[in-house]
């Protein structure tokens, strides 16, 4: 762990750990309030309709008054680890 109060500078500690200094100072960005509301709503809709994908969710949210691009919904679904339930391939073949 890198601590600035040790005998070594931050630069030397980063070099010893093979970590860039920008990686040491990096703070990940937080989700926006809109994304948090969308995450909650997408989770609620997915529980009610587990067969709906990103396109159906986009249409449902648009009817509710929130216009969101499908790729954003897909990214948020990946954060929630939501997978769409659909029939498997070759399900209707005999034997």
Protein backbone atom coordinates (compact mmCIF):
# COMPACT_ATOMS: atom_id res chain seq x y z
CA UNK A 1 0.00 0.00 0.00
CA UNK A 2 1.28 3.43 -0.87
CA UNK A 3 1.43 5.97 1.92
CA UNK A 4 2.90 9.44 1.44
CA UNK A 5 4.27 9.65 5.01
CA UNK A 6 6.72 6.74 4.61
CA UNK A 7 10.46 7.25 4.04
CA UNK A 8 10.00 6.89 0.27
CA UNK A 9 8.33 9.40 -2.03
CA UNK A 10 5.09 8.49 -3.79
CA UNK A 11 7.01 8.26 -7.07
CA UNK A 12 9.48 5.73 -5.66
CA UNK A 13 6.72 3.67 -4.02
CA UNK A 14 4.79 3.56 -7.31
CA UNK A 15 7.92 2.48 -9.17
CA UNK A 16 8.53 -0.35 -6.67
CA UNK A 17 4.93 -1.55 -7.10
CA UNK A 18 4.99 -1.14 -10.91
CA UNK A 19 2.08 1.28 -10.63
CA UNK A 20 1.82 4.53 -12.51
CA UNK A 21 1.43 7.66 -10.43
CA UNK A 22 -1.74 8.54 -12.34
CA UNK A 23 -3.12 5.15 -11.24
CA UNK A 24 -2.36 6.08 -7.65
CA UNK A 25 -4.16 9.42 -7.86
CA UNK A 26 -7.08 8.13 -10.00
CA UNK A 27 -10.54 8.36 -8.44
CA UNK A 28 -13.27 6.47 -10.32
CA UNK A 29 -16.25 8.58 -11.30
CA UNK A 30 -19.58 7.94 -9.59
CA UNK A 31 -22.84 7.19 -11.36
CA UNK A 32 -25.09 10.18 -11.94
CA UNK A 33 -28.44 10.55 -10.21
CA UNK A 34 -30.22 9.87 -13.52
CA UNK A 35 -28.31 6.61 -13.97
CA UNK A 36 -29.15 5.53 -10.43
CA UNK A 37 -32.85 6.19 -11.05
CA UNK A 38 -32.62 4.31 -14.35
CA UNK A 39 -30.89 1.37 -12.63
CA UNK A 40 -33.71 1.14 -10.09
CA UNK A 41 -36.41 1.37 -12.76
CA UNK A 42 -34.70 -1.10 -15.12
CA UNK A 43 -34.43 -3.58 -12.25
CA UNK A 44 -38.13 -3.18 -11.42
CA UNK A 45 -39.20 -3.64 -15.04
CA UNK A 46 -36.90 -6.64 -15.54
CA UNK A 47 -38.36 -8.41 -12.52
CA UNK A 48 -41.86 -7.95 -13.94
CA UNK A 49 -40.84 -8.84 -17.53
CA UNK A 50 -37.68 -11.00 -17.63
CA UNK A 51 -38.02 -11.57 -21.40
CA UNK A 52 -37.65 -7.89 -22.27
CA UNK A 53 -34.34 -6.79 -23.72
CA UNK A 54 -32.83 -3.34 -24.07
CA UNK A 55 -35.16 -2.35 -26.92
CA UNK A 56 -38.35 -3.15 -25.03
CA UNK A 57 -37.00 -1.45 -21.92
CA UNK A 58 -36.17 1.62 -24.01
CA UNK A 59 -39.73 1.72 -25.35
CA UNK A 60 -41.25 1.25 -21.88
CA UNK A 61 -39.11 4.05 -20.43
CA UNK A 62 -40.02 6.30 -23.38
CA UNK A 63 -43.72 5.72 -22.65
CA UNK A 64 -43.04 6.74 -19.04
CA UNK A 65 -41.39 9.94 -20.26
CA UNK A 66 -37.69 9.09 -20.00
CA UNK A 67 -35.99 9.02 -23.39
CA UNK A 68 -32.77 6.99 -23.15
CA UNK A 69 -30.58 5.45 -25.83
CA UNK A 70 -30.62 1.67 -26.10
CA UNK A 71 -26.86 1.32 -25.62
CA UNK A 72 -27.08 3.14 -22.30
CA UNK A 73 -29.77 0.73 -21.16
CA UNK A 74 -27.61 -2.18 -22.30
CA UNK A 75 -24.66 -0.85 -20.26
CA UNK A 76 -26.85 -0.42 -17.19
CA UNK A 77 -28.23 -3.93 -17.64
CA UNK A 78 -24.65 -5.22 -17.66
CA UNK A 79 -23.97 -3.38 -14.38
CA UNK A 80 -27.01 -5.07 -12.86
CA UNK A 81 -26.01 -8.39 -14.47
CA UNK A 82 -29.44 -8.74 -16.04
CA UNK A 83 -29.69 -11.43 -18.71
CA UNK A 84 -32.74 -11.76 -20.91
CA UNK A 85 -34.61 -15.07 -20.74
CA UNK A 86 -35.38 -16.45 -24.20
CA UNK A 87 -35.77 -19.89 -25.82
CA UNK A 88 -32.54 -21.70 -26.59
CA UNK A 89 -31.42 -22.49 -30.11
CA UNK A 90 -32.91 -25.57 -31.81
CA UNK A 91 -35.45 -25.93 -29.03
CA UNK A 92 -38.23 -27.13 -31.33
CA UNK A 93 -36.31 -30.00 -32.98
CA UNK A 94 -37.40 -33.54 -32.28
CA UNK A 95 -35.27 -35.90 -30.20
